[in-house]
Each structure stands twice: as C-alpha cells, then as structure tokens.
Protein backbone atom coordinates (compact mmCIF):
# COMPACT_ATOMS: atom_id res chain seq x y z
CA MET A 1 -19.44 -14.02 -10.87
CA LEU A 2 -21.27 -15.29 -13.87
CA LEU A 3 -19.85 -17.98 -16.13
CA VAL A 4 -20.92 -18.14 -19.74
CA THR A 5 -20.19 -20.87 -22.39
CA GLY A 6 -20.56 -20.13 -26.22
CA ILE A 7 -20.74 -16.47 -25.83
CA THR A 8 -19.00 -16.09 -29.33
CA GLY A 9 -21.42 -18.31 -30.95
CA HIS A 10 -24.67 -17.34 -32.73
CA THR A 11 -27.10 -17.22 -29.88
CA GLY A 12 -24.47 -16.04 -27.50
CA ARG A 13 -23.58 -13.30 -29.29
CA TYR A 14 -27.20 -12.09 -29.02
CA PHE A 15 -27.02 -12.86 -25.18
CA LEU A 16 -23.94 -10.79 -25.05
CA GLN A 17 -25.51 -7.70 -26.81
CA GLU A 18 -28.22 -7.79 -24.27
CA LEU A 19 -25.72 -7.83 -21.42
CA ILE A 20 -24.28 -4.67 -22.99
CA ASN A 21 -27.67 -2.99 -23.75
CA HIS A 22 -28.67 -3.43 -20.05
CA LYS A 23 -25.08 -2.34 -18.64
CA TYR A 24 -24.83 -5.79 -16.74
CA GLU A 25 -22.53 -4.72 -13.70
CA GLY A 26 -21.56 -8.03 -12.36
CA PRO A 27 -18.03 -9.64 -13.43
CA ILE A 28 -18.30 -12.32 -16.15
CA ARG A 29 -15.96 -14.98 -17.00
CA CYS A 30 -16.34 -16.44 -20.67
CA ILE A 31 -14.88 -19.51 -22.08
CA VAL A 32 -13.55 -19.00 -25.49
CA ARG A 33 -11.29 -20.64 -28.14
CA GLU A 34 -8.03 -19.46 -29.31
CA THR A 35 -9.55 -18.96 -32.53
CA SER A 36 -12.98 -17.23 -31.41
CA ASP A 37 -13.38 -13.82 -32.66
CA THR A 38 -13.68 -11.83 -29.27
CA THR A 39 -14.28 -8.25 -30.68
CA LEU A 40 -17.49 -7.56 -29.34
CA LEU A 41 -16.42 -9.22 -25.90
CA ASP A 42 -13.37 -6.83 -25.83
CA ASN A 43 -15.20 -3.82 -26.75
CA SER A 44 -18.23 -4.38 -24.58
CA GLY A 45 -17.37 -2.19 -21.62
CA LEU A 46 -18.40 -5.08 -19.36
CA ILE A 47 -16.19 -6.54 -16.67
CA ILE A 48 -14.99 -9.53 -18.68
CA GLU A 49 -12.40 -12.33 -17.80
CA LYS A 50 -11.75 -14.27 -20.92
CA VAL A 51 -10.62 -17.69 -20.36
CA ILE A 52 -9.10 -20.20 -22.94
CA GLY A 53 -10.00 -23.88 -22.57
CA ASP A 54 -11.57 -27.03 -23.15
CA LEU A 55 -14.94 -28.12 -21.99
CA ASP A 56 -13.81 -31.86 -22.32
CA ASP A 57 -11.13 -30.98 -19.72
CA ARG A 58 -12.77 -31.87 -16.34
CA ASN A 59 -10.06 -30.43 -14.39
CA PHE A 60 -10.31 -27.23 -16.44
CA ILE A 61 -14.18 -27.11 -15.59
CA ASP A 62 -13.43 -27.34 -11.99
CA ARG A 63 -11.04 -24.45 -12.16
CA VAL A 64 -13.31 -21.98 -13.86
CA MET A 65 -16.09 -22.86 -11.58
CA ASP A 66 -14.18 -21.27 -8.57
CA GLY A 67 -15.78 -18.14 -7.21
CA VAL A 68 -18.76 -18.82 -9.54
CA GLU A 69 -22.39 -18.08 -8.73
CA THR A 70 -24.15 -18.60 -11.84
CA VAL A 71 -23.79 -20.54 -15.30
CA MET A 72 -25.07 -19.78 -18.37
CA HIS A 73 -24.16 -22.95 -20.49
CA ILE A 74 -25.05 -22.05 -24.23
CA TYR A 75 -22.34 -24.10 -25.87
CA ASN A 76 -23.02 -27.90 -26.68
CA ILE A 77 -25.72 -30.04 -24.61
CA TYR A 78 -23.39 -32.69 -24.71
CA HIS A 79 -21.31 -30.77 -21.95
CA SER A 80 -24.09 -30.21 -19.65
CA PRO A 81 -23.83 -33.20 -17.25
CA THR A 82 -20.24 -32.27 -16.76
CA ILE A 83 -21.23 -28.61 -16.04
CA VAL A 84 -23.85 -29.68 -13.67
CA GLN A 85 -21.85 -32.11 -11.76
CA ALA A 86 -19.16 -29.52 -11.54
CA ALA A 87 -21.20 -26.58 -10.49
CA ILE A 88 -22.80 -28.93 -7.52
CA GLU A 89 -19.64 -29.84 -6.11
CA LYS A 90 -18.51 -26.06 -6.27
CA GLU A 91 -21.83 -25.00 -4.59
CA VAL A 92 -22.65 -22.50 -7.57
CA LYS A 93 -26.01 -21.36 -6.78
CA ARG A 94 -27.84 -21.60 -10.37
CA VAL A 95 -27.04 -23.13 -13.79
CA ILE A 96 -29.07 -22.21 -16.80
CA LEU A 97 -28.85 -24.93 -19.68
CA VAL A 98 -29.52 -24.14 -23.11
CA HIS A 99 -30.73 -27.49 -24.49
CA THR A 100 -33.04 -28.31 -27.70
CA THR A 101 -36.55 -29.36 -28.53
CA GLY A 102 -35.07 -31.98 -30.49
CA ILE A 103 -35.75 -34.00 -27.24
CA TYR A 104 -39.16 -34.41 -28.54
CA SER A 105 -38.27 -36.05 -32.03
CA GLU A 106 -40.25 -39.27 -32.91
CA PHE A 107 -36.95 -40.63 -34.10
CA LYS A 108 -34.93 -42.49 -31.33
CA TYR A 109 -31.52 -41.52 -32.68
CA ALA A 110 -32.41 -37.77 -32.92
CA SER A 111 -33.83 -37.69 -29.38
CA GLU A 112 -32.19 -40.14 -27.38
CA GLY A 113 -29.13 -38.78 -26.60
CA TYR A 114 -30.85 -35.73 -25.54
CA LYS A 115 -33.18 -37.29 -23.33
CA LYS A 116 -30.24 -39.59 -21.44
CA ILE A 117 -28.65 -36.22 -21.11
CA GLU A 118 -31.45 -34.45 -19.13
CA ASN A 119 -32.24 -37.75 -17.11
CA LYS A 120 -28.57 -37.66 -16.02
CA ILE A 121 -29.15 -34.09 -14.88
CA LYS A 122 -32.22 -35.29 -12.93
CA GLU A 123 -30.28 -37.93 -11.31
CA LEU A 124 -27.51 -35.30 -10.43
CA LYS A 125 -30.08 -33.28 -8.72
CA ASN A 126 -30.79 -36.05 -6.22
CA ASP A 127 -27.63 -35.82 -5.08
CA PRO A 128 -27.95 -35.57 -1.40
CA ASN A 129 -25.44 -32.43 -1.15
CA TYR A 130 -27.49 -30.60 -4.26
CA SER A 131 -28.28 -27.16 -3.92
CA THR A 132 -27.93 -25.80 -7.29
CA ASN A 133 -30.80 -24.19 -8.86
CA ILE A 134 -31.33 -25.50 -12.43
CA THR A 135 -33.25 -24.02 -15.45
CA ILE A 136 -33.40 -25.89 -18.74
CA LEU A 137 -34.17 -23.76 -22.10
CA ARG A 138 -35.17 -25.70 -25.27
CA PRO A 139 -35.03 -23.56 -28.24
CA SER A 140 -36.77 -25.01 -31.42
CA MET A 141 -35.30 -24.49 -34.98
CA ILE A 142 -32.80 -21.46 -34.56
CA TYR A 143 -32.41 -18.88 -37.51
CA GLY A 144 -31.48 -15.47 -37.98
CA ASP A 145 -28.11 -15.01 -39.54
CA LEU A 146 -26.22 -16.76 -42.56
CA CYS A 147 -24.30 -18.44 -39.89
CA ASP A 148 -27.41 -20.52 -38.70
CA ARG A 149 -27.57 -24.16 -39.90
CA ASN A 150 -31.27 -23.93 -40.69
CA MET A 151 -32.82 -21.24 -42.83
CA SER A 152 -29.54 -19.86 -44.50
CA ARG A 153 -29.40 -23.15 -46.40
CA PHE A 154 -33.07 -22.98 -47.16
CA ILE A 155 -32.39 -19.44 -48.61
CA LYS A 156 -29.56 -20.52 -50.53
CA MET A 157 -31.51 -23.36 -52.07
CA VAL A 158 -34.49 -21.28 -53.13
CA ASP A 159 -32.25 -18.61 -54.49
CA LYS A 160 -30.45 -21.25 -56.69
CA LEU A 161 -33.42 -23.55 -57.71
CA LYS A 162 -36.29 -22.63 -59.98
CA VAL A 163 -37.78 -25.97 -59.16
CA MET A 164 -37.40 -26.92 -55.55
CA PRO A 165 -38.33 -30.34 -54.42
CA VAL A 166 -39.99 -30.44 -50.82
CA ILE A 167 -40.48 -33.42 -48.64
CA SER A 168 -44.16 -34.39 -48.41
CA GLY A 169 -45.49 -31.12 -50.05
CA GLY A 170 -44.08 -29.27 -47.12
CA LYS A 171 -47.04 -29.93 -44.85
CA SER A 172 -45.35 -30.41 -41.65
CA LEU A 173 -45.33 -27.69 -39.00
CA ILE A 174 -42.09 -25.89 -37.90
CA GLN A 175 -41.87 -22.89 -35.36
CA PRO A 176 -38.34 -21.49 -35.93
CA VAL A 177 -36.95 -19.26 -33.38
CA ASN A 178 -34.83 -16.02 -34.31
CA ALA A 179 -31.42 -16.07 -32.38
CA ARG A 180 -32.32 -12.41 -31.55
CA ASP A 181 -35.39 -13.67 -29.55
CA LEU A 182 -33.14 -16.23 -27.69
CA GLY A 183 -30.72 -13.61 -26.68
CA LYS A 184 -33.36 -11.65 -24.90
CA ALA A 185 -34.93 -14.79 -23.49
CA PHE A 186 -31.55 -15.82 -22.01
CA TYR A 187 -30.86 -12.53 -20.29
CA THR A 188 -34.68 -12.26 -19.18
CA VAL A 189 -34.00 -15.71 -17.52
CA LEU A 190 -30.76 -14.84 -15.90
CA MET A 191 -32.50 -11.78 -14.12
CA SER A 192 -35.59 -13.66 -13.29
CA PRO A 193 -34.49 -16.50 -10.82
CA LYS A 194 -37.69 -16.25 -8.81
CA GLU A 195 -39.77 -17.08 -11.50
CA THR A 196 -37.58 -19.47 -13.57
CA ASN A 197 -35.35 -21.65 -11.23
CA GLY A 198 -36.13 -25.37 -11.21
CA LYS A 199 -37.96 -25.19 -14.42
CA ALA A 200 -38.01 -26.13 -17.97
CA TYR A 201 -39.03 -23.87 -20.92
CA ASP A 202 -39.31 -24.39 -24.79
CA LEU A 203 -38.30 -21.29 -26.61
CA SER A 204 -40.07 -21.44 -30.03
CA GLY A 205 -41.08 -18.93 -32.64
CA GLU A 206 -44.19 -16.53 -32.61
CA ARG A 207 -46.16 -19.20 -34.12
CA PRO A 208 -46.54 -22.54 -36.01
CA ILE A 209 -45.98 -22.25 -39.84
CA ARG A 210 -46.07 -25.11 -42.60
CA MET A 211 -42.70 -25.99 -44.27
CA ILE A 212 -44.02 -24.66 -47.85
CA ASP A 213 -45.39 -21.64 -46.35
CA ALA A 214 -41.94 -20.68 -44.94
CA PHE A 215 -40.28 -21.38 -48.43
CA LYS A 216 -42.95 -19.30 -50.36
CA ILE A 217 -41.98 -16.40 -47.91
CA ILE A 218 -38.39 -16.84 -48.48
CA SER A 219 -39.02 -17.07 -52.26
CA LYS A 220 -41.17 -13.74 -52.06
CA GLU A 221 -38.32 -12.11 -50.13
CA LEU A 222 -35.77 -13.10 -52.66
CA ASN A 223 -38.29 -11.61 -55.33
CA LYS A 224 -38.34 -15.43 -57.11
CA LYS A 225 -40.84 -17.52 -58.89
CA THR A 226 -39.91 -20.81 -57.33
CA VAL A 227 -42.14 -23.97 -58.54
CA PHE A 228 -42.19 -26.33 -55.41
CA ILE A 229 -42.71 -30.05 -56.03
CA SER A 230 -43.54 -32.68 -53.76
CA VAL A 231 -41.33 -35.42 -52.94
CA PRO A 232 -42.49 -38.63 -51.11
CA LEU A 233 -40.42 -38.89 -47.75
CA SER A 234 -39.37 -42.32 -48.56
CA LEU A 235 -37.75 -40.93 -51.78
CA GLY A 236 -36.01 -38.20 -49.87
CA VAL A 237 -34.62 -40.71 -47.40
CA LEU A 238 -33.48 -43.02 -49.93
CA MET A 239 -31.80 -40.31 -51.78
CA ALA A 240 -30.10 -39.05 -48.65
CA ARG A 241 -28.89 -42.60 -47.85
CA VAL A 242 -27.39 -42.78 -51.49
CA LEU A 243 -25.62 -39.72 -50.80
CA LYS A 244 -24.26 -40.78 -47.29
CA THR A 245 -22.95 -44.00 -49.34
CA LEU A 246 -21.46 -42.09 -52.02
CA THR A 247 -19.49 -39.84 -49.78
CA LEU A 248 -18.38 -42.88 -47.55
CA GLY A 249 -20.51 -41.15 -44.70
CA LYS A 250 -19.09 -37.67 -45.03
CA ILE A 251 -22.38 -36.19 -46.00
CA ASP A 252 -25.08 -37.46 -43.77
CA TYR A 253 -28.73 -35.90 -44.28
CA ILE A 254 -30.79 -38.71 -43.45
CA GLU A 255 -32.03 -37.51 -40.00
CA ARG A 256 -32.61 -34.07 -41.25
CA VAL A 257 -34.76 -35.38 -44.29
CA GLN A 258 -36.87 -37.60 -41.99
CA ARG A 259 -37.26 -34.98 -39.56
CA MET A 260 -38.82 -32.77 -42.43
CA GLY A 261 -41.70 -35.00 -42.40
CA GLU A 262 -42.54 -34.40 -38.59
CA ASP A 263 -44.27 -31.60 -36.73
CA ARG A 264 -41.81 -29.64 -35.00
CA ASN A 265 -43.72 -26.98 -33.24
CA TYR A 266 -43.96 -26.32 -29.70
CA SER A 267 -45.93 -24.09 -27.06
CA HIS A 268 -43.82 -21.32 -25.49
CA ASP A 269 -46.94 -20.38 -23.28
CA ASN A 270 -44.98 -21.11 -20.04
CA ALA A 271 -42.16 -18.62 -21.08
CA THR A 272 -44.64 -16.11 -21.88
CA ASN A 273 -46.45 -16.76 -18.65
CA ASP A 274 -43.58 -16.65 -16.52
CA PHE A 275 -41.07 -13.77 -17.93
CA SER A 276 -43.11 -12.59 -20.84
CA TYR A 277 -41.51 -14.00 -23.84
CA ASN A 278 -42.57 -12.74 -27.00
CA PRO A 279 -40.68 -13.60 -30.08
CA MET A 280 -40.88 -11.86 -33.53
CA THR A 281 -43.06 -13.20 -36.36
CA PHE A 282 -41.18 -15.56 -38.83
CA GLU A 283 -41.97 -13.05 -41.76
CA LYS A 284 -39.91 -10.44 -39.80
CA GLY A 285 -36.98 -12.48 -38.84
CA ILE A 286 -36.59 -14.28 -42.44
CA GLN A 287 -36.62 -10.91 -44.04
CA ILE A 288 -33.72 -9.77 -41.68
CA GLU A 289 -31.79 -12.76 -42.89
CA VAL A 290 -32.66 -12.58 -46.80
CA GLN A 291 -31.68 -9.01 -46.61
CA GLU A 292 -28.25 -9.98 -45.08
CA TYR A 293 -28.19 -12.98 -47.72
CA LEU A 294 -28.71 -10.46 -50.55
CA GLY A 295 -26.14 -7.68 -49.12
CA LYS A 296 -23.57 -10.16 -49.07
CA TYR A 297 -24.04 -12.25 -52.30
CA LYS A 298 -25.96 -9.71 -54.52
CA ASN A 299 -24.04 -6.58 -54.27
C-alpha cells in the first residue's frame, strides 16, 4: 500500500499523472480534504482509496498508516516529524518526504523552522526500533502553472507594469524547478528504493539564472517592452515593512523581499547521478506558464 499526502496539490497532481502514465499497479491510499477536487483521482484508472482527514490529528495519521509499506509525503513539511514518527511505530518500510531548499536560506527565520524539522527527523531515526528508510527531496522555487506562488505573480507583474522595480538590479541567482519535473522525480524516486533510500536530494531547475534575466524572458514571452529599474534591497524591505504595518500584518512580504537579495541556486548533480534527474530549461517551462496565462486572461 502506497500512502500519499498532497496528491491533489500543485506538484501532487503531476506525481499522480506519472502514476497514471506508468500504470502503477499497487493500491494507493490518498489523504484528501472534503473540498479537494478529486476528478483526476476518480478517473485515474488506478486502485485508489480516498481518505478524508486532518494531518493535525495524530490518531487519524495512525489509522491511515495501517497496512502501508511506503509513504509519499508531499503536503506541508511541518507535518513531516509526525508522519515519520507514526511510520516508525507502524513499521512502514519507506518514507519519502518533500521538503524545501529554503532550509539553506541565510535568513534565520526563513530556514530555522525547516532545520528544526529535519533535525527532529534525524533524532527519530536514532530510535532503537527504527527500521524505516527515509528519503528527503528538497525542491527549489516551484513554478509551472498559474496556481504556483512564484512565477505566476511575476508574470502578472510584468504584464501589468510598464516600469517594474527589481531588487538590487535582479543580480541574484535563482534556479526555479517546474512542477512537471518534480512529478517525474517523485515517481522515479518511488520506483528506485535501492538507489535513493536514506539519502537527501536538492531538486532544482536545469541551471541557475539571474532574476533580471528571468523577468526579461517573461517579458519577451508576453511580447512586452518592460523597463526594469533597480531598487536597493534596504528600500524594498522598508516598503514591505510599511505595507505590513498598514495592513495590520495581513500582508507580509518582508521575507520574500529579503530573499530576493540572496542567491538561491542549488546543484542537482546527486539526483542526476542517482536517478537520472533531467529538468527542463526555464525558457521552456516559463513559455508553458505564460501561454496558460495568456489563454486565461487575454482570450
């Protein structure tokens, strides 16, 4: 039995599509919300058991672990320690956790929580009863559809603004990863236990790219003539703090602005070496997303 969390989410849907494409034969138990769109699940042709529940409920997690051999935990890194604890107690053979390269951020409040989670998992692995193999996958900035929280916002900004401010000239490096590539990677890792058990992988895009170059590619795909002006990081952070104050904390972009000033490029060589991870170029991936945007808002 394969247990999956987050299968109806952004990257989860692409993992499901890989299961469908490869005609996965085993039973799959999927944790979903009452409000989840399960159309793709229902029409998948796979052996699917849908379970409605709350991952904050430890008793629920214990129940859904019964009979499970492998867990693919895609939804929310903050539930990982509980998932692992339950898996160990239920003698689940294998757990694959989807975490984040945010753990490497130079900003303490951006990475500290993620580090605590992974340290907690290391502690659990020291349990004398531990027999569960754990693999950690850390995607970088995820994009690919208008439902992503990264490039979709930049596409809208470039489309709406003739003059666009860019933090520190957009010199910082990013390495966005397309959700389609993550779906393929999740499936490949699932089917490659010998090569990936007990390891951690950074899953980034094909190559690093400067933020300003990413914006220029988006502008070109939108057929826009955007003027980009450099804004000092300190001014950007000040504006974010003012916005947070004016909205009584409801809009808090401080961390996002600060992270736009740091390089976020990560090697995926280990993933390539161990399971032939080969992500698409940013140019190809952003073209797909821009075309979706144009189809939705311009037709």
